[in-house]
Amino acid sequence: MKILLISPCPDNNQRHDSMAIPQLTLSLIAGLTPEEHEVKIIEEVFNEVIDFDQEVDVVGISIMTQTAIRGYEIANEFKKRDKTVVFGGIHATVMPKEAIMYGDAVVIGEAENGLWEQVLNDIETFSLKEFYKLDKYPELNRYVAPRRDLVRKVAGKFKIAPIETGRGCPYKCDFCTVPTSFGSKQRHKTIECIIKDIESIEEKFLFFLDDNITINKKFSRELFERMISLKKGWVGQASINIVNDKELMKLARKSGCKGFLIGFESMTDTGLNKYRKTFASFDRNVEAIKTLQDNGLMTMASLVFGLDDDDKQVFDTAYKFIEKAKPAFLQACALTPYPGTQVFEKMKQENRILTDDWRQFDAKKVIISPSNMTADELQEGYSHIKDRVYSHRSILSRAIPHISSSVAETILYFSLNYGARKWHKTGLTSKIYRNSDDMPVDFDVTKYVKPVKKLVLA
């Protein structure tokens, strides 16, 4: 069969020259596909164009919440041409009954352990079921070679390859979809499988997709030691308590690490106590970022605005944190109630979600009524802190600790900051997104895109 795998993206989210990390999911699915099938991958984020009239037997579409409506539009076009459409991805996993309206089957959760092969076999034998789901999370000890030859390799100024060492996260943040989709216990691939994968990658720069690559210190030490001789540069996600392990920081640096994306989430006293992902005090977290800098490691700090305990003071607190700690980058997120999370269920019950247009659920737009300020105050404060942190002055004032090591780190620093500045300046996040008065927030996606009649296999 001819199989087309698609990662959809709305037009206004497509990247032409700023940093976007290539997909790993679709290249893994392609790697799971038996060799007798022909596979092609399209990632719309890179402005790749879909030919709906191409000869294809199966269309697999991986959707996140913000790409779901575009995914349904794509599915409709292929359904009009009597193609078999299979959905997967985080949004399809938590909203399978919605996704099935637009496709012939939905893969819920992960596709290893023969599940994807079963889907393809059922298509060939005209016995396709609507839903496919493993009984338990798969073990990741079998090496699957991602079809990296099928995906774009450039992300902004870098040639960068996504890679993973495991899945799942023990931090049960109420706004995060990871525990629902991948479990709250981290499952690792074997070190041998990871090293084999790295050795097969032609790019010199890697992005580790794991939610926390350093949570298992013994595993991380062995991995970093094995990576030293491979001479790859990389970034990944970690928790700030890595600063308590001097040996691990040094090994990370020797293995090619340029920096970590760290979810601080909130620098308010209540936020620090609630999420317990960082140190308990503001000053200790500032000191920790400086420790990473002293060890040659950038910090990409992620903060969430609009949490239920946040009031207007949260923006001044966050800016003070950025000014004092001088992290390499701020990932400024507007609280987004993703389906499948506790926050979604709570805010849906309380009628505090302002729109059900999934295209706006990208963690960059204000789409909620927060508890301790108005939506307008949240929007004003959120826009203002980005104005300040993504200004030329702030970018240049934070540069010195991060650009002295190498050309690669200098390019990384400015790519991250000026990419964020460019996105911010589009104005796409400068307003509140809410439904019009004549459009109820009822989470009926069919008012945005009508499903076409489904193919009946016989």
Protein backbone atom coordinates (compact mmCIF):
# COMPACT_ATOMS: atom_id res chain seq x y z
CA MET A 1 0.00 0.00 0.00
CA LYS A 2 0.98 3.62 -0.43
CA ILE A 3 0.84 5.36 2.93
CA LEU A 4 0.90 9.13 3.47
CA LEU A 5 1.65 10.36 7.02
CA ILE A 6 0.75 13.97 7.78
CA SER A 7 1.49 16.37 10.59
CA PRO A 8 -1.03 19.19 10.01
CA CYS A 9 -0.56 22.85 10.86
CA PRO A 10 -2.85 25.88 10.46
CA ASP A 11 -1.57 28.45 7.95
CA ASN A 12 -0.73 31.07 10.56
CA ASN A 13 1.45 28.64 12.54
CA GLN A 14 3.65 27.57 9.65
CA ARG A 15 7.37 28.35 9.90
CA HIS A 16 9.44 29.58 7.01
CA ASP A 17 12.71 30.57 8.63
CA SER A 18 12.26 30.41 12.43
CA MET A 19 12.99 27.48 14.70
CA ALA A 20 10.57 24.54 14.67
CA ILE A 21 11.67 21.07 15.70
CA PRO A 22 10.98 18.38 13.07
CA GLN A 23 8.56 15.59 13.99
CA LEU A 24 9.70 12.31 15.51
CA THR A 25 6.29 10.62 15.78
CA LEU A 26 5.71 10.18 12.07
CA SER A 27 9.24 8.97 11.37
CA LEU A 28 8.76 6.37 14.13
CA ILE A 29 5.44 5.28 12.61
CA ALA A 30 7.19 5.01 9.26
CA GLY A 31 9.87 2.93 10.98
CA LEU A 32 7.19 0.58 12.32
CA THR A 33 5.68 0.16 8.86
CA PRO A 34 6.53 -3.16 7.12
CA GLU A 35 8.93 -2.75 4.23
CA GLU A 36 6.42 -3.85 1.58
CA HIS A 37 4.56 -0.55 2.02
CA GLU A 38 5.63 2.76 0.51
CA VAL A 39 5.65 5.68 2.97
CA LYS A 40 5.75 9.45 2.51
CA ILE A 41 5.68 12.14 5.24
CA ILE A 42 4.40 15.73 5.04
CA GLU A 43 4.91 18.30 7.82
CA GLU A 44 2.81 21.38 7.15
CA VAL A 45 4.68 23.41 9.78
CA PHE A 46 7.47 23.75 7.21
CA ASN A 47 5.05 24.99 4.56
CA GLU A 48 4.98 21.63 2.79
CA VAL A 49 2.01 21.38 0.41
CA ILE A 50 -0.40 18.44 0.32
CA ASP A 51 -1.46 17.07 -3.07
CA PHE A 52 -4.92 15.70 -2.31
CA ASP A 53 -5.13 14.01 -5.71
CA GLN A 54 -1.99 11.94 -5.31
CA GLU A 55 -2.18 8.18 -5.51
CA VAL A 56 -2.38 6.94 -1.93
CA ASP A 57 -4.18 4.11 -0.11
CA VAL A 58 -3.90 5.12 3.55
CA VAL A 59 -3.61 8.58 5.13
CA GLY A 60 -2.34 8.72 8.71
CA ILE A 61 -2.82 12.07 10.47
CA SER A 62 -1.17 12.84 13.82
CA ILE A 63 -2.97 15.64 15.66
CA MET A 64 -2.31 17.82 18.66
CA THR A 65 -5.16 19.95 19.98
CA GLN A 66 -4.09 23.09 18.11
CA THR A 67 -3.75 21.13 14.84
CA ALA A 68 -6.92 19.03 15.18
CA ILE A 69 -9.26 21.20 13.10
CA ARG A 70 -6.72 21.46 10.30
CA GLY A 71 -6.30 17.68 10.57
CA TYR A 72 -10.05 17.20 10.18
CA GLU A 73 -10.08 19.50 7.13
CA ILE A 74 -7.33 17.41 5.55
CA ALA A 75 -9.18 14.20 6.39
CA ASN A 76 -12.33 15.53 4.73
CA GLU A 77 -10.47 16.16 1.49
CA PHE A 78 -9.13 12.64 1.42
CA LYS A 79 -12.49 11.16 2.43
CA LYS A 80 -14.07 12.92 -0.55
CA ARG A 81 -11.60 10.91 -2.64
CA ASP A 82 -12.52 7.64 -0.86
CA LYS A 83 -9.21 7.25 0.96
CA THR A 84 -8.83 5.43 4.27
CA VAL A 85 -7.96 7.89 7.06
CA VAL A 86 -6.39 6.89 10.39
CA PHE A 87 -5.93 9.38 13.24
CA GLY A 88 -3.37 9.28 16.02
CA GLY A 89 -1.58 11.72 18.33
CA ILE A 90 -2.30 13.27 21.71
CA HIS A 91 -5.58 14.94 20.74
CA ALA A 92 -6.95 11.80 19.10
CA THR A 93 -5.90 9.87 22.21
CA VAL A 94 -7.92 12.05 24.59
CA MET A 95 -10.77 12.83 22.14
CA PRO A 96 -11.17 9.60 20.12
CA LYS A 97 -14.95 9.94 19.65
CA GLU A 98 -14.42 13.35 18.09
CA ALA A 99 -11.61 12.18 15.80
CA ILE A 100 -13.52 9.15 14.54
CA MET A 101 -16.18 11.44 13.03
CA TYR A 102 -13.59 12.44 10.44
CA GLY A 103 -11.67 9.20 9.95
CA ASP A 104 -12.04 5.48 9.62
CA ALA A 105 -9.93 4.53 12.64
CA VAL A 106 -8.23 6.10 15.65
CA VAL A 107 -5.06 4.82 17.31
CA ILE A 108 -5.37 5.69 20.99
CA GLY A 109 -2.01 6.15 22.67
CA GLU A 110 1.20 4.57 21.45
CA ALA A 111 1.45 2.43 18.34
CA GLU A 112 4.26 -0.01 19.20
CA ASN A 113 3.94 -3.70 20.11
CA GLY A 114 2.44 -4.53 16.72
CA LEU A 115 -0.52 -2.16 16.96
CA TRP A 116 0.30 -0.12 13.83
CA GLU A 117 1.03 -3.29 11.90
CA GLN A 118 -2.38 -4.62 13.00
CA VAL A 119 -4.08 -1.47 11.70
CA LEU A 120 -2.44 -1.90 8.30
CA ASN A 121 -3.28 -5.61 8.18
CA ASP A 122 -6.93 -4.88 9.02
CA ILE A 123 -7.07 -2.31 6.21
CA GLU A 124 -5.74 -4.86 3.74
CA THR A 125 -8.22 -7.52 4.90
CA PHE A 126 -11.19 -5.10 4.98
CA SER A 127 -11.62 -5.64 8.73
CA LEU A 128 -10.65 -2.20 10.02
CA LYS A 129 -12.01 -1.34 13.47
CA GLU A 130 -12.79 2.16 14.66
CA PHE A 131 -10.51 2.19 17.71
CA TYR A 132 -7.14 0.61 18.44
CA LYS A 133 -5.51 0.72 21.86
CA LEU A 134 -2.86 -1.33 23.65
CA ASP A 135 -3.81 -2.97 26.96
CA LYS A 136 -0.81 -1.37 28.65
CA TYR A 137 1.96 1.10 27.90
CA PRO A 138 4.52 -0.58 25.63
CA GLU A 139 8.02 -1.44 26.74
CA LEU A 140 10.55 0.50 24.70
CA ASN A 141 13.38 -2.02 24.66
CA ARG A 142 13.07 -2.95 20.96
CA TYR A 143 14.97 -0.69 18.61
CA VAL A 144 12.84 0.99 15.98
CA ALA A 145 14.81 2.91 13.38
CA PRO A 146 12.96 6.18 12.68
CA ARG A 147 12.67 6.99 8.97
CA ARG A 148 14.57 10.24 9.31
CA ASP A 149 15.19 10.19 5.58
CA LEU A 150 11.53 11.12 5.10
CA VAL A 151 11.47 14.31 7.21
CA ARG A 152 12.86 17.79 6.89
CA LYS A 153 16.07 18.31 8.83
CA VAL A 154 16.35 22.09 9.15
CA ALA A 155 14.94 24.01 12.12
CA GLY A 156 15.65 27.71 11.70
CA LYS A 157 19.43 28.11 11.50
CA PHE A 158 20.07 24.54 12.63
CA LYS A 159 20.02 21.10 11.17
CA ILE A 160 18.51 19.37 14.16
CA ALA A 161 17.23 15.86 14.83
CA PRO A 162 14.57 15.02 17.43
CA ILE A 163 15.27 11.97 19.56
CA GLU A 164 13.82 10.38 22.69
CA THR A 165 15.22 8.24 25.48
CA GLY A 166 11.87 7.46 27.07
CA ARG A 167 8.28 8.49 27.74
CA GLY A 168 6.14 9.41 30.71
CA CYS A 169 6.53 11.96 33.51
CA PRO A 170 6.09 11.56 37.29
CA TYR A 171 5.22 15.24 37.78
CA LYS A 172 1.44 15.26 37.63
CA CYS A 173 0.92 18.90 36.66
CA ASP A 174 -2.80 19.56 36.38
CA PHE A 175 -2.40 21.41 33.06
CA CYS A 176 -0.24 18.77 31.30
CA THR A 177 -1.37 16.01 28.92
CA VAL A 178 1.73 13.83 29.31
CA PRO A 179 0.57 11.71 32.31
CA THR A 180 -2.73 10.98 30.52
CA SER A 181 -1.11 10.10 27.20
CA PHE A 182 2.15 8.45 28.27
CA GLY A 183 1.73 7.64 31.95
CA SER A 184 3.16 9.00 35.17
CA LYS A 185 5.97 6.45 35.32
CA GLN A 186 8.96 7.08 33.08
CA ARG A 187 9.79 4.24 30.66
CA HIS A 188 13.25 4.25 29.12
CA LYS A 189 14.65 2.88 25.92
CA THR A 190 17.83 0.89 26.39
CA ILE A 191 21.12 2.77 26.27
CA GLU A 192 22.19 0.57 23.35
CA CYS A 193 19.09 1.52 21.34
CA ILE A 194 19.61 5.22 22.01
CA ILE A 195 23.28 5.13 21.05
CA LYS A 196 22.44 3.16 17.90
CA ASP A 197 19.89 5.81 16.99
CA ILE A 198 22.33 8.67 17.61
CA GLU A 199 24.99 6.95 15.50
CA SER A 200 22.52 6.77 12.60
CA ILE A 201 21.81 10.52 12.71
CA GLU A 202 23.73 12.67 10.26
CA GLU A 203 22.87 15.97 11.96
CA LYS A 204 25.35 17.35 14.47
CA PHE A 205 22.64 18.74 16.77
CA LEU A 206 19.98 16.80 18.71
CA PHE A 207 16.85 17.77 20.60
CA PHE A 208 15.82 15.27 23.29
CA LEU A 209 12.03 15.22 23.51
CA ASP A 210 11.87 13.57 26.94
CA ASP A 211 10.00 15.55 29.56
CA ASN A 212 12.93 15.08 31.93
CA ILE A 213 16.11 13.50 30.64
CA THR A 214 17.88 13.64 34.03
CA ILE A 215 15.21 12.27 36.36
CA ASN A 216 16.96 8.88 36.58
CA LYS A 217 20.49 9.92 37.48
CA LYS A 218 22.08 6.50 36.97
CA PHE A 219 20.54 6.20 33.50
CA SER A 220 21.56 9.75 32.58
CA ARG A 221 25.16 9.28 33.70
CA GLU A 222 25.58 6.15 31.58
CA LEU A 223 23.93 7.80 28.58
CA PHE A 224 26.03 10.97 28.82
CA GLU A 225 29.25 8.99 29.22
CA ARG A 226 28.43 6.96 26.10
CA MET A 227 27.62 10.14 24.15
CA ILE A 228 30.93 11.91 24.74
CA SER A 229 32.71 10.17 21.87
CA LEU A 230 29.81 10.81 19.46
CA LYS A 231 30.50 14.57 19.46
CA LYS A 232 26.93 15.75 19.08
CA GLY A 233 25.54 19.02 20.40
CA TRP A 234 22.18 18.74 22.11
CA VAL A 235 19.50 20.34 24.26
CA GLY A 236 16.80 18.65 26.32
CA GLN A 237 14.32 19.05 29.14
CA ALA A 238 15.28 18.59 32.78
CA SER A 239 14.37 19.68 36.27
CA ILE A 240 16.40 22.36 38.00
CA ASN A 241 17.58 19.99 40.73
CA ILE A 242 20.29 18.79 38.34
CA VAL A 243 22.39 21.55 39.95
CA ASN A 244 22.62 19.34 43.05
CA ASP A 245 24.67 16.84 41.05
CA LYS A 246 27.98 18.41 39.96
CA GLU A 247 29.15 15.23 38.27
CA LEU A 248 26.00 14.98 36.17
CA MET A 249 26.27 18.62 35.06
CA LYS A 250 29.88 18.06 33.99
CA LEU A 251 28.98 14.87 32.15
CA ALA A 252 26.09 16.61 30.40
CA ARG A 253 28.45 19.34 29.21
CA LYS A 254 31.10 16.83 28.08
CA SER A 255 28.45 14.86 26.18
CA GLY A 256 27.57 17.95 24.12
CA CYS A 257 24.74 19.50 26.12
CA LYS A 258 24.25 23.20 25.38
CA GLY A 259 21.34 23.75 27.75
CA PHE A 260 18.08 22.60 29.30
CA LEU A 261 14.47 23.63 28.98
CA ILE A 262 13.28 23.75 32.58
CA GLY A 263 9.65 24.05 33.64
CA PHE A 264 9.69 26.51 36.52
CA GLU A 265 5.94 27.04 35.84
CA SER A 266 5.54 29.77 38.48
CA MET A 267 7.80 31.90 40.64
CA THR A 268 5.07 32.94 43.08
CA ASP A 269 5.16 31.43 46.56
CA THR A 270 1.95 29.47 45.94
CA GLY A 271 3.16 28.27 42.54
CA LEU A 272 6.48 27.06 43.94
CA ASN A 273 4.68 25.14 46.68
CA LYS A 274 1.97 23.69 44.44
CA TYR A 275 4.02 22.19 41.59
CA ARG A 276 7.16 21.29 43.56
CA LYS A 277 9.22 20.95 40.38
CA THR A 278 11.80 23.51 41.44
CA PHE A 279 13.46 24.77 44.59
CA ALA A 280 11.19 26.20 47.25
CA SER A 281 12.44 29.78 47.10
CA PHE A 282 12.75 32.43 44.42
CA ASP A 283 16.38 33.18 45.31
CA ARG A 284 17.41 29.51 45.25
CA ASN A 285 16.07 29.15 41.71
CA VAL A 286 17.95 32.28 40.62
CA GLU A 287 21.12 30.84 42.14
CA ALA A 288 20.51 27.50 40.37
CA ILE A 289 20.34 29.13 36.93
CA LYS A 290 23.63 30.86 37.63
CA THR A 291 25.12 27.49 38.63
CA LEU A 292 24.10 26.06 35.27
CA GLN A 293 25.67 29.07 33.55
CA ASP A 294 28.89 28.51 35.49
CA ASN A 295 28.93 24.96 34.14
CA GLY A 296 28.46 26.12 30.55
CA LEU A 297 24.78 25.16 30.36
CA MET A 298 22.01 27.46 29.14
CA THR A 299 18.66 27.60 30.89
CA MET A 300 15.53 27.94 28.80
CA ALA A 301 13.02 28.87 31.49
CA SER A 302 9.36 27.99 31.01
CA LEU A 303 6.73 29.96 32.97
CA VAL A 304 2.95 29.61 32.84
CA PHE A 305 0.67 32.64 33.30
CA GLY A 306 -3.00 32.44 34.28
CA LEU A 307 -2.79 29.74 36.95
CA ASP A 308 -5.65 29.83 39.43
CA ASP A 309 -3.42 31.25 42.16
CA ASP A 310 -2.02 33.99 39.92
CA ASP A 311 -2.96 37.62 40.38
CA LYS A 312 -1.58 40.66 38.56
CA GLN A 313 1.59 40.57 40.68
CA VAL A 314 2.69 37.38 38.88
CA PHE A 315 4.05 39.37 35.92
CA ASP A 316 6.30 41.60 38.02
CA THR A 317 7.54 38.55 39.92
CA ALA A 318 8.32 36.72 36.69
CA TYR A 319 10.14 39.70 35.18
CA LYS A 320 12.17 40.17 38.33
CA PHE A 321 13.14 36.49 38.06
CA ILE A 322 14.26 36.90 34.44
CA GLU A 323 16.20 40.06 35.23
CA LYS A 324 18.04 38.53 38.18
CA ALA A 325 18.70 35.03 36.83
CA LYS A 326 19.30 35.97 33.16
CA PRO A 327 18.20 32.66 31.64
CA ALA A 328 19.04 32.22 27.98
CA PHE A 329 15.38 32.18 27.00
CA LEU A 330 11.87 32.57 28.38
CA GLN A 331 9.17 30.25 27.13
CA ALA A 332 6.14 32.33 28.15
CA CYS A 333 3.01 30.16 28.17
CA ALA A 334 -0.59 31.25 28.62
CA LEU A 335 -2.42 28.64 30.68
CA THR A 336 -4.24 26.44 28.19
CA PRO A 337 -6.89 23.93 29.32
CA TYR A 338 -5.97 21.00 27.09
CA PRO A 339 -8.52 18.17 26.84
CA GLY A 340 -7.54 15.24 29.02
CA THR A 341 -6.21 17.43 31.85
CA GLN A 342 -7.61 18.29 35.27
CA VAL A 343 -7.54 21.97 34.34
CA PHE A 344 -9.76 21.33 31.32
CA GLU A 345 -12.38 19.47 33.33
CA LYS A 346 -12.40 22.06 36.10
CA MET A 347 -12.60 25.10 33.81
CA LYS A 348 -15.17 23.45 31.56
CA GLN A 349 -17.41 22.84 34.59
CA GLU A 350 -16.94 26.43 35.73
CA ASN A 351 -17.59 27.86 32.23
CA ARG A 352 -14.21 29.61 32.24
CA ILE A 353 -13.02 28.46 28.82
CA LEU A 354 -13.71 31.27 26.37
CA THR A 355 -13.46 29.34 23.11
CA ASP A 356 -13.75 25.79 21.85
CA ASP A 357 -11.87 26.57 18.64
CA TRP A 358 -9.04 24.06 19.00
CA ARG A 359 -6.84 26.16 16.70
CA GLN A 360 -6.33 28.64 19.54
CA PHE A 361 -5.15 25.99 22.05
CA ASP A 362 -1.42 26.54 21.52
CA ALA A 363 -0.28 27.85 24.95
CA LYS A 364 0.41 31.24 23.36
CA LYS A 365 -3.07 32.79 23.48
CA VAL A 366 -5.37 33.89 26.29
CA ILE A 367 -8.49 31.69 26.04
CA ILE A 368 -9.60 31.50 29.70
CA SER A 369 -11.11 33.55 32.50
CA PRO A 370 -8.56 33.26 35.33
CA SER A 371 -9.57 33.16 39.00
CA ASN A 372 -7.84 36.19 40.47
CA MET A 373 -7.79 38.70 37.62
CA THR A 374 -9.84 39.42 34.55
CA ALA A 375 -9.10 37.97 31.14
CA ASP A 376 -8.16 41.49 30.01
CA GLU A 377 -5.67 41.82 32.87
CA LEU A 378 -4.17 38.44 31.99
CA GLN A 379 -3.84 39.46 28.34
CA GLU A 380 -2.31 42.84 29.21
CA GLY A 381 0.23 41.36 31.64
CA TYR A 382 1.10 38.44 29.36
CA SER A 383 1.71 40.71 26.36
CA HIS A 384 3.70 43.19 28.45
CA ILE A 385 6.14 40.67 29.90
CA LYS A 386 6.85 39.35 26.39
CA ASP A 387 7.35 42.91 25.16
CA ARG A 388 9.98 43.35 27.86
CA VAL A 389 11.75 39.98 27.69
CA TYR A 390 11.76 39.75 23.88
CA SER A 391 13.01 43.33 23.49
CA HIS A 392 16.40 44.00 21.93
CA ARG A 393 17.59 45.39 25.26
CA SER A 394 16.67 42.28 27.23
CA ILE A 395 18.03 39.89 24.61
CA LEU A 396 21.38 41.68 24.50
CA SER A 397 21.60 42.12 28.28
CA ARG A 398 21.16 38.38 28.82
CA ALA A 399 23.52 37.37 26.03
CA ILE A 400 26.97 37.54 27.63
CA PRO A 401 26.73 34.44 29.86
CA HIS A 402 25.49 32.37 26.91
CA ILE A 403 27.49 33.32 23.82
CA SER A 404 31.07 33.05 25.00
CA SER A 405 31.49 29.29 24.55
CA SER A 406 31.04 28.61 20.84
CA VAL A 407 29.53 29.75 17.58
CA ALA A 408 26.85 27.04 17.87
CA GLU A 409 25.72 28.33 21.25
CA THR A 410 25.67 31.90 19.99
CA ILE A 411 23.46 30.87 17.05
CA LEU A 412 21.22 28.87 19.38
CA TYR A 413 20.83 31.79 21.78
CA PHE A 414 19.90 34.34 19.16
CA SER A 415 17.74 31.89 17.17
CA LEU A 416 15.63 31.15 20.24
CA ASN A 417 15.22 34.76 21.28
CA TYR A 418 14.70 36.38 17.92
CA GLY A 419 12.43 33.54 16.85
CA ALA A 420 10.25 34.23 19.90
CA ARG A 421 10.41 37.96 19.23
CA LYS A 422 9.37 37.46 15.61
CA TRP A 423 6.43 35.28 16.64
CA HIS A 424 5.36 37.79 19.28
CA LYS A 425 5.51 40.64 16.78
CA THR A 426 3.02 38.89 14.46
CA GLY A 427 0.28 40.03 16.83
CA LEU A 428 -1.33 36.57 16.87
CA THR A 429 -1.12 36.51 20.67
CA SER A 430 -2.05 40.15 21.27
CA LYS A 431 -5.77 39.62 21.86
CA ILE A 432 -8.15 37.45 23.83
CA TYR A 433 -9.65 34.61 21.82
CA ARG A 434 -13.32 34.01 22.66
CA ASN A 435 -16.35 32.73 20.81
CA SER A 436 -18.80 35.25 19.41
CA ASP A 437 -22.09 35.65 21.29
CA ASP A 438 -23.98 33.51 18.77
CA MET A 439 -21.53 30.60 19.04
CA PRO A 440 -21.76 28.62 22.31
CA VAL A 441 -18.68 27.08 23.91
CA ASP A 442 -20.05 23.55 23.72
CA PHE A 443 -17.00 21.74 22.33
CA ASP A 444 -18.92 20.58 19.28
CA VAL A 445 -16.17 20.73 16.70
CA THR A 446 -18.58 20.18 13.82
CA LYS A 447 -19.49 23.86 13.87
CA TYR A 448 -15.93 24.57 12.71
CA VAL A 449 -15.56 21.72 10.24
CA LYS A 450 -18.34 19.40 9.07
CA PRO A 451 -17.37 15.75 8.64
CA VAL A 452 -17.93 14.21 5.23
CA LYS A 453 -19.64 10.86 4.82
CA LYS A 454 -17.39 8.04 5.96
CA LEU A 455 -16.07 5.37 3.63
CA VAL A 456 -17.77 2.01 4.06
CA LEU A 457 -15.24 -0.78 3.59
CA ALA A 458 -16.54 -3.93 1.93
